[in-house]
């Protein structure tokens, strides 16, 4: 079933505020940290522009794991739930080109802090993984992140993966790949959600050619 991520705003009755609840099937591998544990590392290293994790846990029941199969191996998954301290707007709801670029910049600052200070690589910098909250961009969804001294891995959203990763099946995901993804996030979002001299048909053909071609 894959990660099958679901999120929704919920009300925290103890602190009288709205927070974000996330439910997903995380990869149950020894070299992949649960997302809640990753958030603890980010917080302990004062990483900027990331949400705070209020609570997290794996859901254990009679059938705790699901298996998915890719071209290489069967990957076990386990249900993981966490609560984050803020509910942001989607990046595609930006109010101006300036806010779009600043929000992606903020996410890249989070990425910089995480990779340099916490030694964590996000590995999935994409449109859905950046939100805007009170004019700031936040880098979210760290479920595919890896600790840099762990064995190599490669993940990401196809449309925003670096050219190097796309062209080389055995390439190791590195910091520069995520930075390139930041460029594609700005380009894709601007093409789809800002006015342009291009016609709608020309824009859609361009997007398909650049981001969805085989």
N, C-alpha and C. Protein backbone atom coordinates (compact mmCIF):
# COMPACT_ATOMS: atom_id res chain seq x y z
N UNK A 1 0.81 -1.21 0.00
CA UNK A 1 0.00 0.00 0.00
C UNK A 1 0.85 1.27 0.00
N UNK A 2 2.17 1.13 0.00
CA UNK A 2 3.01 2.32 0.03
C UNK A 2 2.92 3.03 1.37
N UNK A 3 3.26 4.32 1.37
CA UNK A 3 3.24 5.07 2.64
C UNK A 3 1.83 5.54 2.98
N UNK A 4 0.99 5.73 1.98
CA UNK A 4 -0.43 6.08 2.19
C UNK A 4 -0.58 7.16 3.25
N UNK A 5 0.07 8.30 3.02
CA UNK A 5 0.09 9.38 4.00
C UNK A 5 -1.25 10.11 4.04
N UNK A 6 -1.74 10.35 5.26
CA UNK A 6 -2.95 11.14 5.46
C UNK A 6 -2.65 12.20 6.52
N UNK A 7 -3.11 13.42 6.29
CA UNK A 7 -2.94 14.49 7.28
C UNK A 7 -4.25 15.24 7.44
N UNK A 8 -4.46 15.79 8.61
CA UNK A 8 -5.64 16.61 8.83
C UNK A 8 -5.43 17.48 10.07
N UNK A 9 -6.01 18.69 10.09
CA UNK A 9 -5.96 19.51 11.30
C UNK A 9 -6.84 18.89 12.39
N UNK A 10 -6.35 18.92 13.61
CA UNK A 10 -7.12 18.42 14.75
C UNK A 10 -7.01 19.44 15.89
N UNK A 11 -7.92 19.35 16.84
CA UNK A 11 -7.93 20.31 17.94
C UNK A 11 -7.30 19.70 19.18
N UNK A 12 -6.30 20.38 19.70
CA UNK A 12 -5.61 19.97 20.93
C UNK A 12 -6.40 20.52 22.12
N UNK A 13 -7.15 19.64 22.79
CA UNK A 13 -8.03 20.10 23.87
C UNK A 13 -7.24 20.49 25.11
N UNK A 14 -6.00 20.01 25.23
CA UNK A 14 -5.21 20.34 26.42
C UNK A 14 -4.59 21.74 26.31
N UNK A 15 -4.22 22.13 25.08
CA UNK A 15 -3.59 23.43 24.88
C UNK A 15 -4.47 24.41 24.12
N UNK A 16 -5.70 23.98 23.81
CA UNK A 16 -6.69 24.86 23.19
C UNK A 16 -6.18 25.47 21.88
N UNK A 17 -5.72 24.61 20.97
CA UNK A 17 -5.21 25.10 19.69
C UNK A 17 -5.35 24.02 18.62
N UNK A 18 -5.25 24.45 17.38
CA UNK A 18 -5.32 23.52 16.25
C UNK A 18 -3.91 23.06 15.90
N UNK A 19 -3.74 21.76 15.72
CA UNK A 19 -2.44 21.19 15.36
C UNK A 19 -2.65 20.25 14.16
N UNK A 20 -1.55 19.71 13.65
CA UNK A 20 -1.62 18.83 12.49
C UNK A 20 -1.37 17.38 12.90
N UNK A 21 -2.27 16.51 12.48
CA UNK A 21 -2.14 15.07 12.73
C UNK A 21 -1.71 14.39 11.43
N UNK A 22 -0.72 13.52 11.52
CA UNK A 22 -0.23 12.80 10.35
C UNK A 22 -0.23 11.30 10.61
N UNK A 23 -0.70 10.56 9.63
CA UNK A 23 -0.82 9.11 9.71
C UNK A 23 -0.21 8.54 8.43
N UNK A 24 0.80 7.69 8.55
CA UNK A 24 1.43 7.13 7.35
C UNK A 24 2.09 5.80 7.66
N UNK A 25 2.31 5.03 6.61
CA UNK A 25 3.03 3.76 6.74
C UNK A 25 4.50 4.02 6.45
N UNK A 26 5.30 4.06 7.49
CA UNK A 26 6.73 4.33 7.33
C UNK A 26 7.47 3.04 7.00
N UNK A 27 8.62 3.18 6.35
CA UNK A 27 9.45 2.02 6.07
C UNK A 27 10.04 1.48 7.37
N UNK A 28 9.86 0.21 7.60
CA UNK A 28 10.35 -0.43 8.82
C UNK A 28 11.72 -1.05 8.55
N UNK A 29 12.72 -0.18 8.45
CA UNK A 29 14.09 -0.59 8.17
C UNK A 29 15.01 -0.02 9.24
N UNK A 30 16.04 -0.76 9.61
CA UNK A 30 16.90 -0.34 10.71
C UNK A 30 17.67 0.94 10.40
N UNK A 31 17.88 1.24 9.12
CA UNK A 31 18.65 2.43 8.75
C UNK A 31 17.76 3.65 8.47
N UNK A 32 16.44 3.49 8.64
CA UNK A 32 15.51 4.60 8.41
C UNK A 32 14.84 4.96 9.74
N UNK A 33 15.10 6.18 10.21
CA UNK A 33 14.52 6.61 11.48
C UNK A 33 13.02 6.87 11.34
N UNK A 34 12.23 6.54 12.37
CA UNK A 34 10.84 7.01 12.38
C UNK A 34 10.82 8.53 12.30
N UNK A 35 9.82 9.08 11.65
CA UNK A 35 9.80 10.54 11.45
C UNK A 35 9.82 11.29 12.77
N UNK A 36 9.15 10.76 13.78
CA UNK A 36 9.15 11.42 15.08
C UNK A 36 10.55 11.52 15.67
N UNK A 37 11.36 10.47 15.50
CA UNK A 37 12.74 10.50 15.99
C UNK A 37 13.57 11.51 15.20
N UNK A 38 13.31 11.61 13.91
CA UNK A 38 14.01 12.61 13.10
C UNK A 38 13.70 14.01 13.60
N UNK A 39 12.44 14.26 13.94
CA UNK A 39 12.06 15.57 14.48
C UNK A 39 12.80 15.88 15.78
N UNK A 40 13.01 14.87 16.61
CA UNK A 40 13.75 15.09 17.86
C UNK A 40 15.18 15.53 17.56
N UNK A 41 15.80 14.93 16.57
CA UNK A 41 17.16 15.32 16.20
C UNK A 41 17.19 16.74 15.64
N UNK A 42 16.21 17.07 14.81
CA UNK A 42 16.16 18.41 14.24
C UNK A 42 16.01 19.46 15.34
N UNK A 43 15.15 19.19 16.29
CA UNK A 43 14.92 20.13 17.39
C UNK A 43 16.17 20.28 18.26
N UNK A 44 16.84 19.17 18.53
CA UNK A 44 18.02 19.22 19.40
C UNK A 44 19.17 19.98 18.76
N UNK A 45 19.14 20.13 17.44
CA UNK A 45 20.18 20.88 16.73
C UNK A 45 19.69 22.25 16.26
N UNK A 46 18.55 22.68 16.79
CA UNK A 46 18.03 24.03 16.51
C UNK A 46 17.89 24.32 15.02
N UNK A 47 17.37 23.36 14.30
CA UNK A 47 17.16 23.54 12.86
C UNK A 47 16.02 24.53 12.63
N UNK A 48 16.29 25.52 11.81
CA UNK A 48 15.29 26.56 11.52
C UNK A 48 14.21 26.05 10.57
N UNK A 49 13.04 26.68 10.67
CA UNK A 49 11.97 26.50 9.70
C UNK A 49 11.51 25.05 9.54
N UNK A 50 11.40 24.37 10.67
CA UNK A 50 10.76 23.05 10.70
C UNK A 50 9.71 23.07 11.80
N UNK A 51 8.69 22.27 11.64
CA UNK A 51 7.65 22.18 12.66
C UNK A 51 8.16 21.39 13.86
N UNK A 52 7.54 21.59 15.01
CA UNK A 52 7.89 20.82 16.20
C UNK A 52 6.93 19.64 16.34
N UNK A 53 7.48 18.50 16.67
CA UNK A 53 6.67 17.30 16.86
C UNK A 53 6.23 17.21 18.32
N UNK A 54 4.92 17.24 18.54
CA UNK A 54 4.38 17.21 19.89
C UNK A 54 4.34 15.79 20.44
N UNK A 55 4.00 14.84 19.58
CA UNK A 55 3.90 13.44 20.01
C UNK A 55 4.02 12.55 18.78
N UNK A 56 4.50 11.32 18.99
CA UNK A 56 4.58 10.36 17.89
C UNK A 56 4.63 8.94 18.46
N UNK A 57 4.23 7.98 17.62
CA UNK A 57 4.27 6.59 18.05
C UNK A 57 3.97 5.69 16.86
N UNK A 58 4.50 4.47 16.92
CA UNK A 58 4.10 3.44 15.96
C UNK A 58 2.84 2.76 16.48
N UNK A 59 1.97 2.39 15.55
CA UNK A 59 0.72 1.71 15.92
C UNK A 59 0.95 0.21 15.80
N UNK A 60 0.91 -0.46 16.92
CA UNK A 60 1.15 -1.90 16.94
C UNK A 60 -0.18 -2.63 17.09
N UNK A 61 -0.47 -3.53 16.15
CA UNK A 61 -1.68 -4.34 16.25
C UNK A 61 -1.39 -5.72 15.68
N UNK A 62 -2.41 -6.50 15.45
CA UNK A 62 -2.19 -7.90 15.09
C UNK A 62 -1.47 -8.09 13.77
N UNK A 63 -1.62 -7.12 12.85
CA UNK A 63 -0.87 -7.17 11.59
C UNK A 63 -0.12 -5.85 11.45
N UNK A 64 0.98 -5.68 12.20
CA UNK A 64 1.64 -4.39 12.30
C UNK A 64 2.37 -3.93 11.05
N UNK A 65 2.68 -4.84 10.14
CA UNK A 65 3.47 -4.45 8.99
C UNK A 65 2.76 -4.77 7.69
N UNK A 66 2.99 -3.91 6.70
CA UNK A 66 2.55 -4.15 5.33
C UNK A 66 3.79 -4.18 4.46
N UNK A 67 3.74 -4.95 3.39
CA UNK A 67 4.89 -5.05 2.50
C UNK A 67 4.57 -4.44 1.15
N UNK A 68 5.52 -3.70 0.61
CA UNK A 68 5.41 -3.19 -0.75
C UNK A 68 6.62 -3.68 -1.53
N UNK A 69 6.44 -3.85 -2.81
CA UNK A 69 7.52 -4.40 -3.63
C UNK A 69 7.89 -3.43 -4.73
N UNK A 70 9.18 -3.14 -4.85
CA UNK A 70 9.66 -2.37 -5.98
C UNK A 70 10.50 -3.30 -6.85
N UNK A 71 11.30 -2.70 -7.74
CA UNK A 71 12.05 -3.54 -8.67
C UNK A 71 13.20 -4.27 -8.00
N UNK A 72 13.52 -3.93 -6.76
CA UNK A 72 14.68 -4.54 -6.13
C UNK A 72 14.32 -5.46 -4.97
N UNK A 73 13.39 -5.06 -4.12
CA UNK A 73 13.13 -5.86 -2.93
C UNK A 73 11.77 -5.54 -2.35
N UNK A 74 11.34 -6.39 -1.42
CA UNK A 74 10.11 -6.14 -0.68
C UNK A 74 10.46 -5.31 0.56
N UNK A 75 9.76 -4.20 0.75
CA UNK A 75 10.05 -3.29 1.86
C UNK A 75 8.93 -3.35 2.90
N UNK A 76 9.24 -3.72 4.14
CA UNK A 76 8.21 -3.73 5.18
C UNK A 76 7.87 -2.32 5.64
N UNK A 77 6.60 -2.08 5.97
CA UNK A 77 6.14 -0.79 6.46
C UNK A 77 5.37 -0.99 7.77
N UNK A 78 5.40 0.03 8.61
CA UNK A 78 4.64 -0.01 9.86
C UNK A 78 3.92 1.33 10.04
N UNK A 79 2.72 1.28 10.59
CA UNK A 79 1.90 2.48 10.74
C UNK A 79 2.51 3.41 11.79
N UNK A 80 2.71 4.67 11.40
CA UNK A 80 3.35 5.66 12.26
C UNK A 80 2.46 6.90 12.32
N UNK A 81 2.25 7.41 13.53
CA UNK A 81 1.42 8.60 13.70
C UNK A 81 2.19 9.65 14.49
N UNK A 82 1.99 10.91 14.11
CA UNK A 82 2.61 11.99 14.86
C UNK A 82 1.74 13.24 14.80
N UNK A 83 1.99 14.15 15.74
CA UNK A 83 1.26 15.41 15.83
C UNK A 83 2.27 16.54 15.76
N UNK A 84 2.03 17.49 14.85
CA UNK A 84 2.92 18.62 14.65
C UNK A 84 2.26 19.90 15.14
N UNK A 85 3.07 20.88 15.50
CA UNK A 85 2.55 22.02 16.26
C UNK A 85 1.89 23.12 15.43
N UNK A 86 1.95 23.04 14.10
CA UNK A 86 1.32 24.09 13.30
C UNK A 86 0.68 23.52 12.05
N UNK A 87 -0.30 24.26 11.55
CA UNK A 87 -1.00 23.90 10.32
C UNK A 87 -0.74 25.00 9.30
N UNK A 88 0.06 24.70 8.30
CA UNK A 88 0.43 25.71 7.32
C UNK A 88 -0.43 25.66 6.07
N UNK A 89 -0.26 26.68 5.24
CA UNK A 89 -0.92 26.71 3.93
C UNK A 89 -0.04 26.00 2.91
N UNK A 90 -0.66 25.41 1.91
CA UNK A 90 0.10 24.78 0.85
C UNK A 90 0.96 25.82 0.13
N UNK A 91 2.11 25.39 -0.35
CA UNK A 91 3.00 26.30 -1.08
C UNK A 91 2.29 26.91 -2.28
N UNK A 92 1.41 26.14 -2.91
CA UNK A 92 0.71 26.62 -4.10
C UNK A 92 -0.31 27.72 -3.79
N UNK A 93 -0.54 28.01 -2.52
CA UNK A 93 -1.44 29.09 -2.12
C UNK A 93 -0.68 30.39 -1.86
N UNK A 94 0.55 30.50 -2.34
CA UNK A 94 1.35 31.70 -2.13
C UNK A 94 0.62 32.94 -2.65
N UNK A 95 0.84 34.08 -1.99
CA UNK A 95 0.14 35.31 -2.35
C UNK A 95 0.89 36.16 -3.37
N UNK A 96 2.18 35.92 -3.55
CA UNK A 96 2.98 36.67 -4.51
C UNK A 96 4.19 35.84 -4.91
N UNK A 97 4.82 36.24 -6.00
CA UNK A 97 6.04 35.55 -6.42
C UNK A 97 7.12 35.67 -5.35
N UNK A 98 7.15 36.82 -4.69
CA UNK A 98 8.12 37.03 -3.62
C UNK A 98 7.91 36.01 -2.49
N UNK A 99 6.65 35.81 -2.11
CA UNK A 99 6.38 34.86 -1.03
C UNK A 99 6.74 33.44 -1.45
N UNK A 100 6.50 33.10 -2.70
CA UNK A 100 6.88 31.78 -3.20
C UNK A 100 8.38 31.55 -3.06
N UNK A 101 9.16 32.49 -3.57
CA UNK A 101 10.62 32.34 -3.56
C UNK A 101 11.15 32.36 -2.12
N UNK A 102 10.61 33.26 -1.29
CA UNK A 102 11.05 33.33 0.10
C UNK A 102 10.73 32.04 0.85
N UNK A 103 9.58 31.45 0.57
CA UNK A 103 9.19 30.22 1.27
C UNK A 103 10.12 29.06 0.90
N UNK A 104 10.48 28.98 -0.38
CA UNK A 104 11.42 27.94 -0.79
C UNK A 104 12.80 28.21 -0.19
N UNK A 105 13.18 29.50 -0.14
CA UNK A 105 14.45 29.85 0.52
C UNK A 105 14.44 29.40 1.98
N UNK A 106 13.34 29.65 2.68
CA UNK A 106 13.23 29.24 4.08
C UNK A 106 13.38 27.73 4.22
N UNK A 107 12.76 27.00 3.30
CA UNK A 107 12.88 25.54 3.33
C UNK A 107 14.32 25.10 3.10
N UNK A 108 15.02 25.81 2.22
CA UNK A 108 16.43 25.48 1.97
C UNK A 108 17.31 25.81 3.17
N UNK A 109 16.93 26.84 3.94
CA UNK A 109 17.66 27.12 5.18
C UNK A 109 17.47 25.97 6.17
N UNK A 110 16.25 25.45 6.23
CA UNK A 110 16.00 24.27 7.08
C UNK A 110 16.85 23.10 6.61
N UNK A 111 16.90 22.92 5.31
CA UNK A 111 17.69 21.83 4.73
C UNK A 111 19.18 22.01 5.06
N UNK A 112 19.65 23.25 4.98
CA UNK A 112 21.06 23.53 5.29
C UNK A 112 21.38 23.22 6.74
N UNK A 113 20.53 23.69 7.66
CA UNK A 113 20.75 23.41 9.08
C UNK A 113 20.73 21.91 9.35
N UNK A 114 19.76 21.23 8.75
CA UNK A 114 19.61 19.79 9.00
C UNK A 114 20.83 19.01 8.51
N UNK A 115 21.31 19.35 7.32
CA UNK A 115 22.43 18.59 6.76
C UNK A 115 23.76 18.93 7.45
N UNK A 116 23.95 20.20 7.79
CA UNK A 116 25.23 20.61 8.39
C UNK A 116 25.28 20.33 9.89
N UNK A 117 24.20 20.63 10.59
CA UNK A 117 24.22 20.54 12.06
C UNK A 117 23.73 19.20 12.59
N UNK A 118 22.62 18.72 12.02
CA UNK A 118 22.04 17.46 12.51
C UNK A 118 22.48 16.26 11.68
N UNK A 119 23.18 16.50 10.56
CA UNK A 119 23.65 15.43 9.67
C UNK A 119 22.49 14.59 9.15
N UNK A 120 21.41 15.30 8.78
CA UNK A 120 20.22 14.64 8.25
C UNK A 120 19.93 15.21 6.86
N UNK A 121 19.67 14.33 5.91
CA UNK A 121 19.34 14.73 4.55
C UNK A 121 17.86 14.45 4.29
N UNK A 122 17.12 15.47 3.86
CA UNK A 122 15.67 15.34 3.71
C UNK A 122 15.29 14.34 2.62
N UNK A 123 15.85 14.46 1.44
CA UNK A 123 15.70 13.53 0.32
C UNK A 123 14.38 13.61 -0.44
N UNK A 124 13.49 14.53 -0.09
CA UNK A 124 12.23 14.62 -0.84
C UNK A 124 11.73 16.07 -0.85
N UNK A 125 12.57 16.98 -1.31
CA UNK A 125 12.19 18.38 -1.35
C UNK A 125 11.28 18.58 -2.56
N UNK A 126 9.99 18.79 -2.29
CA UNK A 126 9.00 18.88 -3.35
C UNK A 126 7.92 19.87 -2.96
N UNK A 127 6.99 20.13 -3.87
CA UNK A 127 5.95 21.13 -3.63
C UNK A 127 5.11 20.78 -2.40
N UNK A 128 4.76 19.53 -2.23
CA UNK A 128 3.88 19.16 -1.12
C UNK A 128 4.60 19.15 0.22
N UNK A 129 5.92 19.26 0.20
CA UNK A 129 6.69 19.18 1.44
C UNK A 129 7.17 20.53 1.96
N UNK A 130 6.61 21.59 1.41
CA UNK A 130 6.88 22.95 1.91
C UNK A 130 5.53 23.61 2.18
N UNK A 131 5.37 24.17 3.37
CA UNK A 131 4.14 24.90 3.68
C UNK A 131 4.50 26.32 4.10
N UNK A 132 3.49 27.19 4.04
CA UNK A 132 3.67 28.59 4.43
C UNK A 132 2.86 28.83 5.70
N UNK A 133 3.53 29.41 6.69
CA UNK A 133 2.85 29.72 7.96
C UNK A 133 3.29 31.10 8.41
N UNK A 134 2.33 32.03 8.43
CA UNK A 134 2.60 33.41 8.84
C UNK A 134 3.76 34.02 8.07
N UNK A 135 3.76 33.79 6.76
CA UNK A 135 4.74 34.40 5.89
C UNK A 135 6.08 33.69 5.81
N UNK A 136 6.23 32.57 6.51
CA UNK A 136 7.49 31.81 6.48
C UNK A 136 7.27 30.45 5.85
N UNK A 137 8.31 29.96 5.19
CA UNK A 137 8.26 28.62 4.64
C UNK A 137 8.79 27.61 5.64
N UNK A 138 8.14 26.45 5.70
CA UNK A 138 8.57 25.37 6.59
C UNK A 138 8.75 24.10 5.78
N UNK A 139 9.85 23.41 6.03
CA UNK A 139 10.12 22.14 5.36
C UNK A 139 9.53 21.02 6.22
N UNK A 140 8.59 20.27 5.65
CA UNK A 140 7.88 19.25 6.41
C UNK A 140 8.11 17.86 5.80
N UNK A 141 7.44 16.86 6.37
CA UNK A 141 7.48 15.48 5.88
C UNK A 141 8.92 14.95 5.78
N UNK A 142 9.46 14.60 6.93
CA UNK A 142 10.83 14.08 7.01
C UNK A 142 10.85 12.56 7.05
N UNK A 143 9.80 11.91 6.57
CA UNK A 143 9.72 10.46 6.69
C UNK A 143 10.68 9.71 5.77
N UNK A 144 11.22 10.37 4.74
CA UNK A 144 12.20 9.72 3.87
C UNK A 144 13.63 10.19 4.16
N UNK A 145 13.78 11.00 5.21
CA UNK A 145 15.10 11.53 5.54
C UNK A 145 16.05 10.43 6.00
N UNK A 146 17.34 10.67 5.81
CA UNK A 146 18.33 9.70 6.28
C UNK A 146 19.43 10.42 7.04
N UNK A 147 20.03 9.71 7.97
CA UNK A 147 21.21 10.20 8.66
C UNK A 147 22.39 10.01 7.72
N UNK A 148 23.21 11.05 7.57
CA UNK A 148 24.22 11.05 6.52
C UNK A 148 25.29 9.97 6.68
N UNK A 149 25.51 9.46 7.89
CA UNK A 149 26.53 8.42 8.03
C UNK A 149 25.96 7.02 7.88
N UNK A 150 24.66 6.93 7.53
CA UNK A 150 24.05 5.63 7.29
C UNK A 150 24.30 5.18 5.85
N UNK A 151 24.01 3.91 5.54
CA UNK A 151 24.21 3.43 4.16
C UNK A 151 23.44 4.27 3.16
N UNK A 152 23.96 4.38 1.93
CA UNK A 152 23.32 5.24 0.92
C UNK A 152 21.91 4.79 0.57
N UNK A 153 21.07 5.77 0.26
CA UNK A 153 19.70 5.50 -0.17
C UNK A 153 19.29 6.60 -1.14
N UNK A 154 18.23 6.36 -1.89
CA UNK A 154 17.76 7.37 -2.83
C UNK A 154 16.24 7.34 -2.86
N UNK A 155 15.65 8.50 -2.60
CA UNK A 155 14.20 8.64 -2.62
C UNK A 155 13.86 9.97 -3.27
N UNK A 156 12.58 10.28 -3.32
CA UNK A 156 12.17 11.58 -3.84
C UNK A 156 10.92 11.49 -4.68
N UNK A 157 10.40 12.65 -5.03
CA UNK A 157 9.25 12.77 -5.91
C UNK A 157 9.75 12.99 -7.33
N UNK A 158 9.34 12.12 -8.23
CA UNK A 158 9.90 12.06 -9.59
C UNK A 158 10.06 13.44 -10.23
N UNK A 159 9.02 14.26 -10.19
CA UNK A 159 9.04 15.54 -10.90
C UNK A 159 10.11 16.50 -10.38
N UNK A 160 10.57 16.29 -9.15
CA UNK A 160 11.50 17.25 -8.54
C UNK A 160 12.87 16.64 -8.23
N UNK A 161 13.08 15.41 -8.63
CA UNK A 161 14.39 14.79 -8.41
C UNK A 161 15.43 15.39 -9.34
N UNK A 162 16.67 15.38 -8.92
CA UNK A 162 17.74 15.96 -9.73
C UNK A 162 17.95 15.14 -11.00
N UNK A 163 18.50 15.80 -12.01
CA UNK A 163 18.78 15.11 -13.27
C UNK A 163 19.76 13.96 -13.05
N UNK A 164 20.70 14.16 -12.14
CA UNK A 164 21.70 13.12 -11.86
C UNK A 164 21.04 11.85 -11.32
N UNK A 165 20.09 12.01 -10.39
CA UNK A 165 19.42 10.84 -9.83
C UNK A 165 18.52 10.16 -10.87
N UNK A 166 17.88 10.97 -11.70
CA UNK A 166 16.98 10.41 -12.72
C UNK A 166 17.77 9.60 -13.75
N UNK A 167 18.93 10.11 -14.14
CA UNK A 167 19.70 9.47 -15.21
C UNK A 167 20.55 8.30 -14.72
N UNK A 168 20.83 8.27 -13.42
CA UNK A 168 21.73 7.24 -12.89
C UNK A 168 21.03 6.45 -11.79
N UNK A 169 20.62 5.24 -12.13
CA UNK A 169 19.85 4.43 -11.20
C UNK A 169 20.60 4.08 -9.92
N UNK A 170 21.92 4.10 -9.98
CA UNK A 170 22.70 3.71 -8.81
C UNK A 170 23.38 4.91 -8.14
N UNK A 171 22.98 6.11 -8.53
CA UNK A 171 23.55 7.31 -7.92
C UNK A 171 23.11 7.42 -6.46
N UNK A 172 23.99 7.93 -5.62
CA UNK A 172 23.68 8.12 -4.20
C UNK A 172 23.09 9.51 -4.00
N UNK A 173 21.98 9.58 -3.30
CA UNK A 173 21.30 10.86 -3.04
C UNK A 173 22.20 11.72 -2.15
N UNK A 174 22.48 12.95 -2.61
CA UNK A 174 23.38 13.84 -1.88
C UNK A 174 22.73 15.21 -1.69
N UNK A 175 23.41 16.08 -0.93
CA UNK A 175 22.88 17.41 -0.63
C UNK A 175 22.56 18.18 -1.90
N UNK A 176 23.45 18.12 -2.87
CA UNK A 176 23.25 18.90 -4.09
C UNK A 176 22.01 18.46 -4.87
N UNK A 177 21.61 17.21 -4.71
CA UNK A 177 20.39 16.75 -5.38
C UNK A 177 19.16 17.45 -4.80
N UNK A 178 19.12 17.61 -3.48
CA UNK A 178 18.00 18.32 -2.86
C UNK A 178 18.00 19.79 -3.23
N UNK A 179 19.19 20.39 -3.35
CA UNK A 179 19.26 21.80 -3.74
C UNK A 179 18.71 22.00 -5.16
N UNK A 180 19.02 21.08 -6.04
CA UNK A 180 18.48 21.15 -7.40
C UNK A 180 16.96 21.00 -7.37
N UNK A 181 16.46 20.18 -6.46
CA UNK A 181 15.02 20.02 -6.33
C UNK A 181 14.34 21.34 -5.97
N UNK A 182 15.02 22.16 -5.17
CA UNK A 182 14.47 23.47 -4.81
C UNK A 182 14.22 24.34 -6.03
N UNK A 183 15.13 24.29 -7.00
CA UNK A 183 14.94 25.04 -8.25
C UNK A 183 13.71 24.54 -8.99
N UNK A 184 13.54 23.23 -9.06
CA UNK A 184 12.40 22.67 -9.78
C UNK A 184 11.08 23.00 -9.08
N UNK A 185 11.10 23.09 -7.76
CA UNK A 185 9.89 23.45 -7.02
C UNK A 185 9.43 24.85 -7.42
N UNK A 186 10.36 25.80 -7.46
CA UNK A 186 10.02 27.17 -7.84
C UNK A 186 9.51 27.21 -9.28
N UNK A 187 10.22 26.54 -10.18
CA UNK A 187 9.85 26.56 -11.60
C UNK A 187 8.47 25.94 -11.82
N UNK A 188 8.23 24.78 -11.26
CA UNK A 188 6.95 24.07 -11.44
C UNK A 188 5.80 24.89 -10.88
N UNK A 189 5.98 25.44 -9.68
CA UNK A 189 4.91 26.19 -9.03
C UNK A 189 4.61 27.48 -9.78
N UNK A 190 5.65 28.18 -10.22
CA UNK A 190 5.45 29.42 -10.96
C UNK A 190 4.75 29.16 -12.29
N UNK A 191 5.15 28.10 -12.97
CA UNK A 191 4.53 27.78 -14.26
C UNK A 191 3.05 27.46 -14.11
N UNK A 192 2.69 26.79 -13.03
CA UNK A 192 1.31 26.35 -12.87
C UNK A 192 0.41 27.41 -12.23
N UNK A 193 0.99 28.30 -11.41
CA UNK A 193 0.13 29.15 -10.60
C UNK A 193 0.37 30.65 -10.76
N UNK A 194 1.24 31.06 -11.69
CA UNK A 194 1.42 32.48 -11.97
C UNK A 194 1.06 32.77 -13.42
N UNK A 195 0.64 34.01 -13.66
CA UNK A 195 0.34 34.41 -15.03
C UNK A 195 1.62 34.36 -15.87
N UNK A 196 1.43 34.09 -17.16
CA UNK A 196 2.58 33.95 -18.05
C UNK A 196 2.20 34.39 -19.45
N UNK A 197 3.21 34.76 -20.23
CA UNK A 197 2.97 35.10 -21.63
C UNK A 197 2.62 33.86 -22.44
N UNK A 198 2.90 32.68 -21.90
CA UNK A 198 2.61 31.43 -22.60
C UNK A 198 1.12 31.11 -22.53
N UNK A 199 0.60 30.51 -23.56
CA UNK A 199 -0.79 30.07 -23.53
C UNK A 199 -0.91 28.88 -22.57
N UNK A 200 -2.13 28.58 -22.17
CA UNK A 200 -2.36 27.47 -21.26
C UNK A 200 -1.85 26.16 -21.87
N UNK A 201 -2.14 25.97 -23.15
CA UNK A 201 -1.71 24.73 -23.83
C UNK A 201 -0.19 24.65 -23.89
N UNK A 202 0.46 25.77 -24.24
CA UNK A 202 1.93 25.77 -24.31
C UNK A 202 2.54 25.50 -22.94
N UNK A 203 1.94 26.08 -21.92
CA UNK A 203 2.47 25.86 -20.57
C UNK A 203 2.34 24.40 -20.16
N UNK A 204 1.18 23.81 -20.41
CA UNK A 204 0.97 22.42 -20.03
C UNK A 204 1.91 21.50 -20.80
N UNK A 205 2.12 21.79 -22.07
CA UNK A 205 3.05 20.97 -22.86
C UNK A 205 4.47 21.11 -22.33
N UNK A 206 4.84 22.34 -21.94
CA UNK A 206 6.17 22.57 -21.39
C UNK A 206 6.35 21.83 -20.07
N UNK A 207 5.34 21.90 -19.21
CA UNK A 207 5.41 21.20 -17.92
C UNK A 207 5.53 19.70 -18.13
N UNK A 208 4.74 19.16 -19.05
CA UNK A 208 4.80 17.72 -19.33
C UNK A 208 6.17 17.33 -19.87
N UNK A 209 6.72 18.18 -20.73
CA UNK A 209 8.01 17.87 -21.34
C UNK A 209 9.14 17.91 -20.31
N UNK A 210 9.10 18.89 -19.41
CA UNK A 210 10.19 19.06 -18.45
C UNK A 210 10.04 18.14 -17.24
N UNK A 211 8.82 18.00 -16.73
CA UNK A 211 8.64 17.33 -15.44
C UNK A 211 8.06 15.92 -15.52
N UNK A 212 7.45 15.57 -16.64
CA UNK A 212 6.78 14.26 -16.69
C UNK A 212 7.19 13.40 -17.87
N UNK A 213 8.21 13.83 -18.60
CA UNK A 213 8.65 13.02 -19.74
C UNK A 213 9.38 11.78 -19.25
N UNK A 214 9.32 10.72 -20.04
CA UNK A 214 10.02 9.48 -19.69
C UNK A 214 11.52 9.67 -19.77
